[in-house]
Amino acid sequence: MLLQQRRINAHGFRFSLTEKGKEVARGFLYILQNDLHKEPFGFLEDVYVREEYRGKGNGEKIVRAAIREAKRQGCYKLVGNSRNSREQTHMFYKKMGFQDYGKEFRMEF
């Protein structure tokens, strides 16, 4: 049995909102490809809004921008993640049209 490895191309986008030169919200969208689909998929990571700017639509602006870009990139799906303890964040993603679809397994290094 032979294990092979090859590099794949991926790229990403950083979205941010600033007010008076201060970043108040951000998020990252990574565009990835695998052999199962000819279209890429998007991975939404590290969406964050400073506490004093929450509840004002700033997270929604970041996520909507990432959704638009994932569609523009031809993605067949967009995956977001959130820690199990973040129930309010889960409700936010569901409101944005995401489905609670699976489970994330993680290994820290």
N, C-alpha and C. Protein backbone atom coordinates (compact mmCIF):
# COMPACT_ATOMS: atom_id res chain seq x y z
N MET A 1 0.85 -1.16 0.00
CA MET A 1 0.00 0.00 0.00
C MET A 1 0.90 1.24 0.00
N LEU A 2 0.60 2.19 -0.89
CA LEU A 2 1.41 3.39 -1.05
C LEU A 2 0.60 4.62 -0.65
N LEU A 3 1.09 5.37 0.30
CA LEU A 3 0.45 6.62 0.69
C LEU A 3 1.04 7.74 -0.16
N GLN A 4 0.18 8.47 -0.83
CA GLN A 4 0.62 9.59 -1.66
C GLN A 4 0.11 10.90 -1.09
N GLN A 5 0.86 11.92 -1.37
CA GLN A 5 0.48 13.26 -0.91
C GLN A 5 0.74 14.24 -2.03
N ARG A 6 -0.21 15.18 -2.24
CA ARG A 6 0.02 16.24 -3.21
C ARG A 6 -0.59 17.52 -2.67
N ARG A 7 0.01 18.59 -3.02
CA ARG A 7 -0.47 19.90 -2.58
C ARG A 7 -1.71 20.28 -3.38
N ILE A 8 -2.67 20.88 -2.69
CA ILE A 8 -3.85 21.40 -3.37
C ILE A 8 -3.84 22.92 -3.24
N ASN A 9 -4.49 23.57 -4.15
CA ASN A 9 -4.58 25.02 -4.10
C ASN A 9 -5.79 25.43 -3.27
N ALA A 10 -5.60 26.41 -2.45
CA ALA A 10 -6.67 26.99 -1.65
C ALA A 10 -6.35 28.48 -1.51
N HIS A 11 -7.38 29.25 -1.28
CA HIS A 11 -7.17 30.67 -1.03
C HIS A 11 -8.24 31.16 -0.08
N GLY A 12 -8.07 32.35 0.40
CA GLY A 12 -9.02 32.85 1.38
C GLY A 12 -9.23 34.34 1.29
N PHE A 13 -10.23 34.78 2.05
CA PHE A 13 -10.60 36.18 2.11
C PHE A 13 -10.80 36.56 3.57
N ARG A 14 -10.39 37.75 3.93
CA ARG A 14 -10.63 38.30 5.26
C ARG A 14 -11.59 39.46 5.11
N PHE A 15 -12.69 39.40 5.84
CA PHE A 15 -13.69 40.45 5.82
C PHE A 15 -13.62 41.19 7.16
N SER A 16 -13.74 42.49 7.13
CA SER A 16 -13.73 43.23 8.39
C SER A 16 -14.58 44.48 8.27
N LEU A 17 -15.09 44.91 9.41
CA LEU A 17 -15.80 46.18 9.54
C LEU A 17 -15.01 47.05 10.49
N THR A 18 -14.82 48.29 10.12
CA THR A 18 -14.11 49.22 10.99
C THR A 18 -14.98 50.44 11.25
N GLU A 19 -14.74 51.02 12.39
CA GLU A 19 -15.40 52.28 12.75
C GLU A 19 -14.34 53.17 13.40
N LYS A 20 -14.15 54.35 12.83
CA LYS A 20 -13.15 55.31 13.33
C LYS A 20 -11.78 54.66 13.44
N GLY A 21 -11.43 53.87 12.43
CA GLY A 21 -10.12 53.23 12.38
C GLY A 21 -9.97 52.01 13.27
N LYS A 22 -11.02 51.60 13.96
CA LYS A 22 -10.96 50.46 14.87
C LYS A 22 -11.77 49.29 14.28
N GLU A 23 -11.16 48.12 14.22
CA GLU A 23 -11.87 46.95 13.72
C GLU A 23 -12.90 46.51 14.76
N VAL A 24 -14.15 46.38 14.31
CA VAL A 24 -15.22 45.98 15.22
C VAL A 24 -15.77 44.59 14.92
N ALA A 25 -15.50 44.07 13.71
CA ALA A 25 -15.97 42.73 13.34
C ALA A 25 -15.06 42.18 12.25
N ARG A 26 -14.97 40.85 12.22
CA ARG A 26 -14.13 40.20 11.19
C ARG A 26 -14.62 38.78 10.96
N GLY A 27 -14.18 38.21 9.86
CA GLY A 27 -14.46 36.82 9.54
C GLY A 27 -13.55 36.39 8.40
N PHE A 28 -13.32 35.09 8.31
CA PHE A 28 -12.45 34.53 7.28
C PHE A 28 -13.23 33.52 6.45
N LEU A 29 -13.04 33.58 5.16
CA LEU A 29 -13.61 32.61 4.23
C LEU A 29 -12.47 31.95 3.48
N TYR A 30 -12.42 30.63 3.57
CA TYR A 30 -11.41 29.86 2.84
C TYR A 30 -12.11 29.09 1.73
N ILE A 31 -11.53 29.09 0.56
CA ILE A 31 -12.06 28.38 -0.60
C ILE A 31 -11.18 27.16 -0.81
N LEU A 32 -11.80 25.98 -0.72
CA LEU A 32 -11.06 24.71 -0.76
C LEU A 32 -11.63 23.80 -1.85
N GLN A 33 -10.82 22.88 -2.28
CA GLN A 33 -11.22 21.95 -3.34
C GLN A 33 -10.90 20.53 -2.89
N ASN A 34 -11.79 19.60 -3.24
CA ASN A 34 -11.47 18.19 -3.03
C ASN A 34 -11.85 17.42 -4.29
N ASP A 35 -11.58 16.13 -4.30
CA ASP A 35 -11.82 15.32 -5.50
C ASP A 35 -13.26 14.85 -5.63
N LEU A 36 -14.10 15.09 -4.64
CA LEU A 36 -15.47 14.61 -4.68
C LEU A 36 -16.38 15.49 -5.54
N HIS A 37 -16.02 16.76 -5.71
CA HIS A 37 -16.83 17.70 -6.47
C HIS A 37 -15.93 18.53 -7.37
N LYS A 38 -16.45 18.89 -8.53
CA LYS A 38 -15.64 19.75 -9.39
C LYS A 38 -15.67 21.19 -8.90
N GLU A 39 -16.72 21.56 -8.15
CA GLU A 39 -16.81 22.90 -7.60
C GLU A 39 -16.10 22.94 -6.25
N PRO A 40 -15.57 24.09 -5.86
CA PRO A 40 -14.96 24.22 -4.54
C PRO A 40 -16.03 24.35 -3.46
N PHE A 41 -15.59 24.32 -2.21
CA PHE A 41 -16.49 24.62 -1.10
C PHE A 41 -15.87 25.71 -0.25
N GLY A 42 -16.69 26.40 0.50
CA GLY A 42 -16.21 27.46 1.36
C GLY A 42 -16.24 27.04 2.81
N PHE A 43 -15.28 27.53 3.56
CA PHE A 43 -15.21 27.28 5.00
C PHE A 43 -15.15 28.63 5.69
N LEU A 44 -16.16 28.93 6.49
CA LEU A 44 -16.27 30.19 7.21
C LEU A 44 -15.72 29.99 8.61
N GLU A 45 -14.75 30.81 9.00
CA GLU A 45 -14.02 30.60 10.24
C GLU A 45 -13.82 31.92 10.97
N ASP A 46 -13.80 31.84 12.27
CA ASP A 46 -13.39 32.95 13.13
C ASP A 46 -14.19 34.23 12.90
N VAL A 47 -15.51 34.10 12.81
CA VAL A 47 -16.37 35.28 12.75
C VAL A 47 -16.44 35.84 14.16
N TYR A 48 -16.11 37.11 14.30
CA TYR A 48 -16.05 37.72 15.63
C TYR A 48 -16.52 39.17 15.55
N VAL A 49 -17.34 39.56 16.53
CA VAL A 49 -17.79 40.94 16.66
C VAL A 49 -17.46 41.38 18.09
N ARG A 50 -16.80 42.53 18.21
CA ARG A 50 -16.50 43.05 19.55
C ARG A 50 -17.80 43.18 20.34
N GLU A 51 -17.74 42.86 21.60
CA GLU A 51 -18.95 42.76 22.43
C GLU A 51 -19.84 44.00 22.35
N GLU A 52 -19.27 45.18 22.39
CA GLU A 52 -20.07 46.40 22.38
C GLU A 52 -20.74 46.69 21.03
N TYR A 53 -20.38 45.92 19.99
CA TYR A 53 -20.95 46.09 18.66
C TYR A 53 -21.89 44.95 18.27
N ARG A 54 -22.14 44.05 19.19
CA ARG A 54 -23.02 42.91 18.92
C ARG A 54 -24.48 43.35 18.95
N GLY A 55 -25.32 42.60 18.25
CA GLY A 55 -26.75 42.89 18.23
C GLY A 55 -27.12 44.06 17.34
N LYS A 56 -26.19 44.50 16.50
CA LYS A 56 -26.42 45.67 15.64
C LYS A 56 -26.29 45.33 14.16
N GLY A 57 -26.26 44.03 13.84
CA GLY A 57 -26.19 43.60 12.45
C GLY A 57 -24.79 43.48 11.88
N ASN A 58 -23.77 43.68 12.70
CA ASN A 58 -22.40 43.63 12.19
C ASN A 58 -21.95 42.21 11.83
N GLY A 59 -22.30 41.24 12.65
CA GLY A 59 -21.98 39.84 12.31
C GLY A 59 -22.70 39.42 11.04
N GLU A 60 -23.94 39.85 10.91
CA GLU A 60 -24.72 39.54 9.71
C GLU A 60 -24.06 40.13 8.47
N LYS A 61 -23.53 41.34 8.56
CA LYS A 61 -22.84 41.95 7.41
C LYS A 61 -21.63 41.12 6.99
N ILE A 62 -20.87 40.66 7.98
CA ILE A 62 -19.69 39.84 7.68
C ILE A 62 -20.10 38.53 7.03
N VAL A 63 -21.09 37.85 7.61
CA VAL A 63 -21.50 36.55 7.09
C VAL A 63 -22.13 36.69 5.71
N ARG A 64 -22.96 37.71 5.51
CA ARG A 64 -23.56 37.91 4.18
C ARG A 64 -22.50 38.19 3.12
N ALA A 65 -21.47 38.95 3.48
CA ALA A 65 -20.37 39.19 2.54
C ALA A 65 -19.65 37.89 2.19
N ALA A 66 -19.45 37.03 3.19
CA ALA A 66 -18.79 35.74 2.95
C ALA A 66 -19.66 34.84 2.09
N ILE A 67 -20.97 34.85 2.33
CA ILE A 67 -21.89 34.05 1.51
C ILE A 67 -21.85 34.51 0.06
N ARG A 68 -21.90 35.83 -0.15
CA ARG A 68 -21.84 36.37 -1.52
C ARG A 68 -20.56 35.94 -2.21
N GLU A 69 -19.44 36.04 -1.49
CA GLU A 69 -18.16 35.68 -2.10
C GLU A 69 -18.08 34.19 -2.38
N ALA A 70 -18.58 33.36 -1.48
CA ALA A 70 -18.58 31.90 -1.72
C ALA A 70 -19.38 31.58 -2.97
N LYS A 71 -20.52 32.24 -3.15
CA LYS A 71 -21.31 32.02 -4.37
C LYS A 71 -20.55 32.51 -5.59
N ARG A 72 -19.91 33.68 -5.47
CA ARG A 72 -19.14 34.23 -6.60
C ARG A 72 -17.99 33.31 -6.98
N GLN A 73 -17.43 32.61 -6.01
CA GLN A 73 -16.33 31.67 -6.25
C GLN A 73 -16.82 30.33 -6.80
N GLY A 74 -18.14 30.15 -6.91
CA GLY A 74 -18.70 28.92 -7.46
C GLY A 74 -18.78 27.78 -6.46
N CYS A 75 -18.78 28.07 -5.17
CA CYS A 75 -18.83 27.01 -4.15
C CYS A 75 -20.16 26.26 -4.19
N TYR A 76 -20.10 24.97 -3.97
CA TYR A 76 -21.33 24.18 -3.90
C TYR A 76 -21.89 24.15 -2.49
N LYS A 77 -21.08 24.53 -1.49
CA LYS A 77 -21.56 24.61 -0.11
C LYS A 77 -20.66 25.57 0.66
N LEU A 78 -21.19 26.03 1.77
CA LEU A 78 -20.44 26.86 2.71
C LEU A 78 -20.60 26.24 4.09
N VAL A 79 -19.50 25.96 4.74
CA VAL A 79 -19.50 25.34 6.06
C VAL A 79 -18.99 26.36 7.07
N GLY A 80 -19.73 26.50 8.16
CA GLY A 80 -19.29 27.34 9.26
C GLY A 80 -19.15 26.47 10.50
N ASN A 81 -18.39 26.94 11.46
CA ASN A 81 -18.26 26.16 12.69
C ASN A 81 -18.43 27.06 13.90
N SER A 82 -18.76 26.44 15.00
CA SER A 82 -18.96 27.15 16.25
C SER A 82 -18.80 26.15 17.39
N ARG A 83 -18.28 26.62 18.50
CA ARG A 83 -18.11 25.73 19.66
C ARG A 83 -19.48 25.28 20.17
N ASN A 84 -19.52 24.09 20.75
CA ASN A 84 -20.77 23.53 21.27
C ASN A 84 -21.44 24.45 22.29
N SER A 85 -20.69 25.17 23.06
CA SER A 85 -21.24 25.99 24.14
C SER A 85 -21.85 27.31 23.66
N ARG A 86 -21.74 27.64 22.39
CA ARG A 86 -22.17 28.94 21.88
C ARG A 86 -23.58 28.89 21.29
N GLU A 87 -24.56 28.61 22.11
CA GLU A 87 -25.94 28.43 21.65
C GLU A 87 -26.48 29.67 20.93
N GLN A 88 -26.15 30.85 21.43
CA GLN A 88 -26.61 32.09 20.77
C GLN A 88 -26.02 32.21 19.37
N THR A 89 -24.77 31.81 19.23
CA THR A 89 -24.12 31.82 17.91
C THR A 89 -24.79 30.81 16.99
N HIS A 90 -25.17 29.65 17.52
CA HIS A 90 -25.85 28.63 16.71
C HIS A 90 -27.19 29.18 16.19
N MET A 91 -27.92 29.87 17.03
CA MET A 91 -29.19 30.47 16.61
C MET A 91 -28.95 31.52 15.53
N PHE A 92 -27.87 32.29 15.66
CA PHE A 92 -27.52 33.28 14.64
C PHE A 92 -27.29 32.62 13.29
N TYR A 93 -26.49 31.56 13.27
CA TYR A 93 -26.21 30.88 12.00
C TYR A 93 -27.48 30.28 11.40
N LYS A 94 -28.33 29.72 12.22
CA LYS A 94 -29.60 29.17 11.71
C LYS A 94 -30.45 30.29 11.11
N LYS A 95 -30.48 31.44 11.76
CA LYS A 95 -31.22 32.59 11.24
C LYS A 95 -30.67 33.03 9.87
N MET A 96 -29.37 32.85 9.69
CA MET A 96 -28.72 33.23 8.43
C MET A 96 -28.92 32.18 7.33
N GLY A 97 -29.57 31.05 7.65
CA GLY A 97 -29.84 30.04 6.64
C GLY A 97 -28.98 28.79 6.72
N PHE A 98 -28.07 28.72 7.67
CA PHE A 98 -27.24 27.53 7.84
C PHE A 98 -28.06 26.45 8.55
N GLN A 99 -27.73 25.20 8.27
CA GLN A 99 -28.37 24.06 8.92
C GLN A 99 -27.38 23.43 9.89
N ASP A 100 -27.88 22.98 11.03
CA ASP A 100 -27.05 22.22 11.95
C ASP A 100 -26.88 20.84 11.33
N TYR A 101 -25.74 20.59 10.72
CA TYR A 101 -25.58 19.47 9.81
C TYR A 101 -24.70 18.35 10.34
N GLY A 102 -23.75 18.67 11.19
CA GLY A 102 -22.82 17.61 11.57
C GLY A 102 -22.07 17.94 12.82
N LYS A 103 -20.94 17.37 12.95
CA LYS A 103 -20.12 17.50 14.13
C LYS A 103 -18.70 17.80 13.69
N GLU A 104 -18.04 18.64 14.43
CA GLU A 104 -16.64 18.95 14.13
C GLU A 104 -15.77 18.23 15.14
N PHE A 105 -14.72 17.59 14.67
CA PHE A 105 -13.74 16.97 15.53
C PHE A 105 -12.46 17.78 15.42
N ARG A 106 -11.80 17.97 16.52
CA ARG A 106 -10.68 18.90 16.54
C ARG A 106 -9.51 18.28 17.29
N MET A 107 -8.32 18.60 16.83
CA MET A 107 -7.08 18.19 17.50
C MET A 107 -6.21 19.43 17.64
N GLU A 108 -5.86 19.77 18.85
CA GLU A 108 -5.01 20.93 19.11
C GLU A 108 -3.54 20.54 18.99
N PHE A 109 -2.74 21.44 18.47
CA PHE A 109 -1.27 21.23 18.39
C PHE A 109 -0.56 22.33 19.14
